[in-house]
């Protein structure tokens, strides 16, 4: 079975795994949820991921807020990389 970390490279998913997976904070909670969800979107697209969280998962507003924060940080890294 292929794991999420193998399927996704150069993406928001990979960035979350590399930066937050082994921490103990709200960002790490999202990273672990992403890692354990084999249907998490492979697309590197804010709207696709947001729709998945809200409509497919029924994510709590706190989870959505953390995703928004992480996406903003990810975008900053992408712009200045």
N, C-alpha and C. Protein backbone atom coordinates (compact mmCIF):
# COMPACT_ATOMS: atom_id res chain seq x y z
N UNK A 1 0.84 -1.19 0.00
CA UNK A 1 0.00 0.00 0.00
C UNK A 1 0.88 1.25 0.00
N UNK A 2 0.55 2.19 -0.84
CA UNK A 2 1.31 3.43 -0.94
C UNK A 2 0.82 4.40 0.13
N UNK A 3 1.74 5.04 0.83
CA UNK A 3 1.35 5.99 1.86
C UNK A 3 1.22 7.38 1.27
N UNK A 4 0.52 8.26 1.99
CA UNK A 4 0.33 9.63 1.52
C UNK A 4 1.66 10.33 1.28
N UNK A 5 2.63 10.13 2.15
CA UNK A 5 3.90 10.84 2.01
C UNK A 5 4.64 10.42 0.75
N UNK A 6 4.41 9.22 0.26
CA UNK A 6 5.04 8.79 -0.97
C UNK A 6 4.28 9.34 -2.17
N UNK A 7 2.97 9.39 -2.10
CA UNK A 7 2.16 9.85 -3.22
C UNK A 7 2.35 11.33 -3.51
N UNK A 8 2.61 12.13 -2.51
CA UNK A 8 2.62 13.58 -2.69
C UNK A 8 4.01 14.13 -2.47
N UNK A 9 4.52 14.80 -3.48
CA UNK A 9 5.81 15.46 -3.34
C UNK A 9 5.69 16.89 -3.86
N UNK A 10 6.42 17.80 -3.25
CA UNK A 10 6.40 19.19 -3.69
C UNK A 10 5.06 19.86 -3.52
N UNK A 11 4.37 19.58 -2.44
CA UNK A 11 3.02 20.07 -2.25
C UNK A 11 2.78 20.53 -0.82
N UNK A 12 1.60 21.06 -0.62
CA UNK A 12 1.17 21.44 0.72
C UNK A 12 1.27 20.24 1.66
N UNK A 13 0.82 19.10 1.17
CA UNK A 13 0.89 17.88 1.99
C UNK A 13 2.33 17.62 2.45
N UNK A 14 3.24 17.62 1.53
CA UNK A 14 4.65 17.36 1.86
C UNK A 14 5.19 18.41 2.82
N UNK A 15 4.86 19.68 2.56
CA UNK A 15 5.32 20.77 3.41
C UNK A 15 4.82 20.58 4.85
N UNK A 16 3.56 20.19 5.00
CA UNK A 16 3.02 19.94 6.34
C UNK A 16 3.75 18.80 7.03
N UNK A 17 4.00 17.72 6.30
CA UNK A 17 4.69 16.58 6.89
C UNK A 17 6.11 16.95 7.33
N UNK A 18 6.80 17.68 6.48
CA UNK A 18 8.19 18.04 6.78
C UNK A 18 8.30 19.05 7.91
N UNK A 19 7.33 19.93 8.04
CA UNK A 19 7.45 21.02 9.01
C UNK A 19 6.71 20.81 10.32
N UNK A 20 5.67 19.99 10.33
CA UNK A 20 4.83 19.93 11.53
C UNK A 20 4.52 18.55 12.07
N UNK A 21 4.75 17.50 11.31
CA UNK A 21 4.30 16.18 11.72
C UNK A 21 4.77 15.78 13.11
N UNK A 22 5.99 16.09 13.46
CA UNK A 22 6.54 15.61 14.73
C UNK A 22 6.55 16.67 15.83
N UNK A 23 5.79 17.72 15.64
CA UNK A 23 5.65 18.74 16.68
C UNK A 23 4.42 18.45 17.52
N UNK A 24 4.23 19.25 18.54
CA UNK A 24 3.08 19.13 19.41
C UNK A 24 2.35 20.47 19.44
N UNK A 25 1.55 20.72 18.42
CA UNK A 25 0.78 21.96 18.36
C UNK A 25 -0.39 21.75 17.41
N UNK A 26 -1.19 22.79 17.20
CA UNK A 26 -2.38 22.64 16.37
C UNK A 26 -2.02 22.33 14.91
N UNK A 27 -0.89 22.81 14.45
CA UNK A 27 -0.46 22.51 13.09
C UNK A 27 -0.11 21.02 12.96
N UNK A 28 0.53 20.50 13.96
CA UNK A 28 0.88 19.08 13.98
C UNK A 28 -0.38 18.21 14.03
N UNK A 29 -1.39 18.66 14.75
CA UNK A 29 -2.65 17.91 14.78
C UNK A 29 -3.22 17.78 13.37
N UNK A 30 -3.20 18.88 12.62
CA UNK A 30 -3.69 18.84 11.25
C UNK A 30 -2.80 17.93 10.40
N UNK A 31 -1.50 18.04 10.55
CA UNK A 31 -0.57 17.20 9.77
C UNK A 31 -0.83 15.71 10.04
N UNK A 32 -1.04 15.35 11.29
CA UNK A 32 -1.31 13.94 11.61
C UNK A 32 -2.66 13.50 11.03
N UNK A 33 -3.65 14.38 11.09
CA UNK A 33 -4.94 14.04 10.48
C UNK A 33 -4.78 13.82 8.98
N UNK A 34 -3.99 14.67 8.34
CA UNK A 34 -3.74 14.53 6.91
C UNK A 34 -3.03 13.22 6.61
N UNK A 35 -2.03 12.89 7.42
CA UNK A 35 -1.26 11.68 7.20
C UNK A 35 -2.13 10.43 7.33
N UNK A 36 -3.07 10.46 8.25
CA UNK A 36 -3.92 9.30 8.50
C UNK A 36 -5.10 9.20 7.56
N UNK A 37 -5.32 10.22 6.74
CA UNK A 37 -6.45 10.25 5.82
C UNK A 37 -5.98 9.95 4.40
N UNK A 38 -6.17 8.73 3.97
CA UNK A 38 -5.68 8.32 2.67
C UNK A 38 -6.51 8.88 1.51
N UNK A 39 -7.57 9.59 1.82
CA UNK A 39 -8.36 10.24 0.77
C UNK A 39 -8.12 11.75 0.75
N UNK A 40 -7.15 12.24 1.54
CA UNK A 40 -6.84 13.67 1.53
C UNK A 40 -6.43 14.07 0.12
N UNK A 41 -6.93 15.21 -0.35
CA UNK A 41 -6.67 15.61 -1.74
C UNK A 41 -5.18 15.69 -2.10
N UNK A 42 -4.86 15.17 -3.27
CA UNK A 42 -3.49 15.25 -3.77
C UNK A 42 -3.24 16.61 -4.43
N UNK A 43 -4.32 17.29 -4.82
CA UNK A 43 -4.17 18.58 -5.47
C UNK A 43 -3.58 19.61 -4.52
N UNK A 44 -2.74 20.45 -5.05
CA UNK A 44 -2.12 21.52 -4.28
C UNK A 44 -2.95 22.79 -4.52
N UNK A 45 -4.21 22.73 -4.06
CA UNK A 45 -5.18 23.77 -4.39
C UNK A 45 -6.01 24.09 -3.16
N UNK A 46 -5.98 25.34 -2.73
CA UNK A 46 -6.70 25.76 -1.53
C UNK A 46 -8.17 25.38 -1.58
N UNK A 47 -8.84 25.71 -2.68
CA UNK A 47 -10.28 25.46 -2.78
C UNK A 47 -10.62 23.97 -2.73
N UNK A 48 -9.83 23.15 -3.37
CA UNK A 48 -10.06 21.71 -3.35
C UNK A 48 -9.93 21.17 -1.93
N UNK A 49 -8.88 21.58 -1.23
CA UNK A 49 -8.66 21.10 0.13
C UNK A 49 -9.73 21.65 1.07
N UNK A 50 -10.08 22.93 0.93
CA UNK A 50 -11.11 23.52 1.77
C UNK A 50 -12.45 22.81 1.57
N UNK A 51 -12.82 22.58 0.33
CA UNK A 51 -14.07 21.86 0.05
C UNK A 51 -14.04 20.46 0.66
N UNK A 52 -12.91 19.80 0.55
CA UNK A 52 -12.78 18.46 1.13
C UNK A 52 -12.99 18.51 2.65
N UNK A 53 -12.33 19.44 3.31
CA UNK A 53 -12.45 19.53 4.76
C UNK A 53 -13.88 19.86 5.19
N UNK A 54 -14.48 20.83 4.52
CA UNK A 54 -15.81 21.30 4.93
C UNK A 54 -16.91 20.33 4.52
N UNK A 55 -16.93 19.93 3.25
CA UNK A 55 -18.06 19.17 2.73
C UNK A 55 -17.89 17.66 2.84
N UNK A 56 -16.68 17.17 2.65
CA UNK A 56 -16.48 15.72 2.72
C UNK A 56 -16.23 15.24 4.15
N UNK A 57 -15.50 16.04 4.92
CA UNK A 57 -15.14 15.64 6.28
C UNK A 57 -16.02 16.25 7.36
N UNK A 58 -16.68 17.34 7.02
CA UNK A 58 -17.46 18.04 8.05
C UNK A 58 -16.57 18.59 9.14
N UNK A 59 -15.41 19.10 8.75
CA UNK A 59 -14.40 19.57 9.71
C UNK A 59 -14.95 20.70 10.59
N UNK A 60 -14.53 20.69 11.82
CA UNK A 60 -14.90 21.75 12.77
C UNK A 60 -14.28 23.07 12.35
N UNK A 61 -14.89 24.15 12.78
CA UNK A 61 -14.38 25.48 12.40
C UNK A 61 -12.94 25.68 12.86
N UNK A 62 -12.56 25.10 13.99
CA UNK A 62 -11.18 25.22 14.47
C UNK A 62 -10.20 24.55 13.49
N UNK A 63 -10.58 23.42 12.96
CA UNK A 63 -9.73 22.72 11.98
C UNK A 63 -9.60 23.55 10.71
N UNK A 64 -10.70 24.11 10.26
CA UNK A 64 -10.68 24.96 9.06
C UNK A 64 -9.79 26.17 9.29
N UNK A 65 -9.87 26.76 10.48
CA UNK A 65 -9.04 27.92 10.79
C UNK A 65 -7.56 27.55 10.77
N UNK A 66 -7.21 26.40 11.31
CA UNK A 66 -5.82 25.95 11.31
C UNK A 66 -5.36 25.70 9.88
N UNK A 67 -6.20 25.09 9.06
CA UNK A 67 -5.84 24.89 7.66
C UNK A 67 -5.56 26.22 6.99
N UNK A 68 -6.42 27.23 7.21
CA UNK A 68 -6.20 28.55 6.61
C UNK A 68 -4.86 29.14 7.04
N UNK A 69 -4.54 29.03 8.33
CA UNK A 69 -3.26 29.53 8.84
C UNK A 69 -2.09 28.83 8.14
N UNK A 70 -2.18 27.51 8.08
CA UNK A 70 -1.10 26.73 7.47
C UNK A 70 -0.96 27.06 5.99
N UNK A 71 -2.07 27.21 5.31
CA UNK A 71 -2.01 27.53 3.88
C UNK A 71 -1.33 28.88 3.67
N UNK A 72 -1.66 29.86 4.51
CA UNK A 72 -1.02 31.18 4.39
C UNK A 72 0.48 31.08 4.60
N UNK A 73 0.90 30.31 5.61
CA UNK A 73 2.34 30.13 5.84
C UNK A 73 2.99 29.41 4.66
N UNK A 74 2.33 28.40 4.15
CA UNK A 74 2.83 27.66 2.99
C UNK A 74 2.99 28.58 1.78
N UNK A 75 2.01 29.41 1.54
CA UNK A 75 2.08 30.33 0.40
C UNK A 75 3.23 31.32 0.56
N UNK A 76 3.47 31.80 1.77
CA UNK A 76 4.59 32.70 2.02
C UNK A 76 5.91 32.02 1.70
N UNK A 77 6.03 30.78 2.10
CA UNK A 77 7.26 30.02 1.81
C UNK A 77 7.43 29.84 0.31
N UNK A 78 6.35 29.53 -0.38
CA UNK A 78 6.40 29.32 -1.84
C UNK A 78 6.81 30.60 -2.56
N UNK A 79 6.29 31.73 -2.12
CA UNK A 79 6.58 33.01 -2.76
C UNK A 79 8.03 33.42 -2.55
N UNK A 80 8.56 33.15 -1.36
CA UNK A 80 9.91 33.61 -1.03
C UNK A 80 10.97 32.53 -1.23
N UNK A 81 10.58 31.38 -1.75
CA UNK A 81 11.54 30.29 -1.95
C UNK A 81 12.40 30.53 -3.16
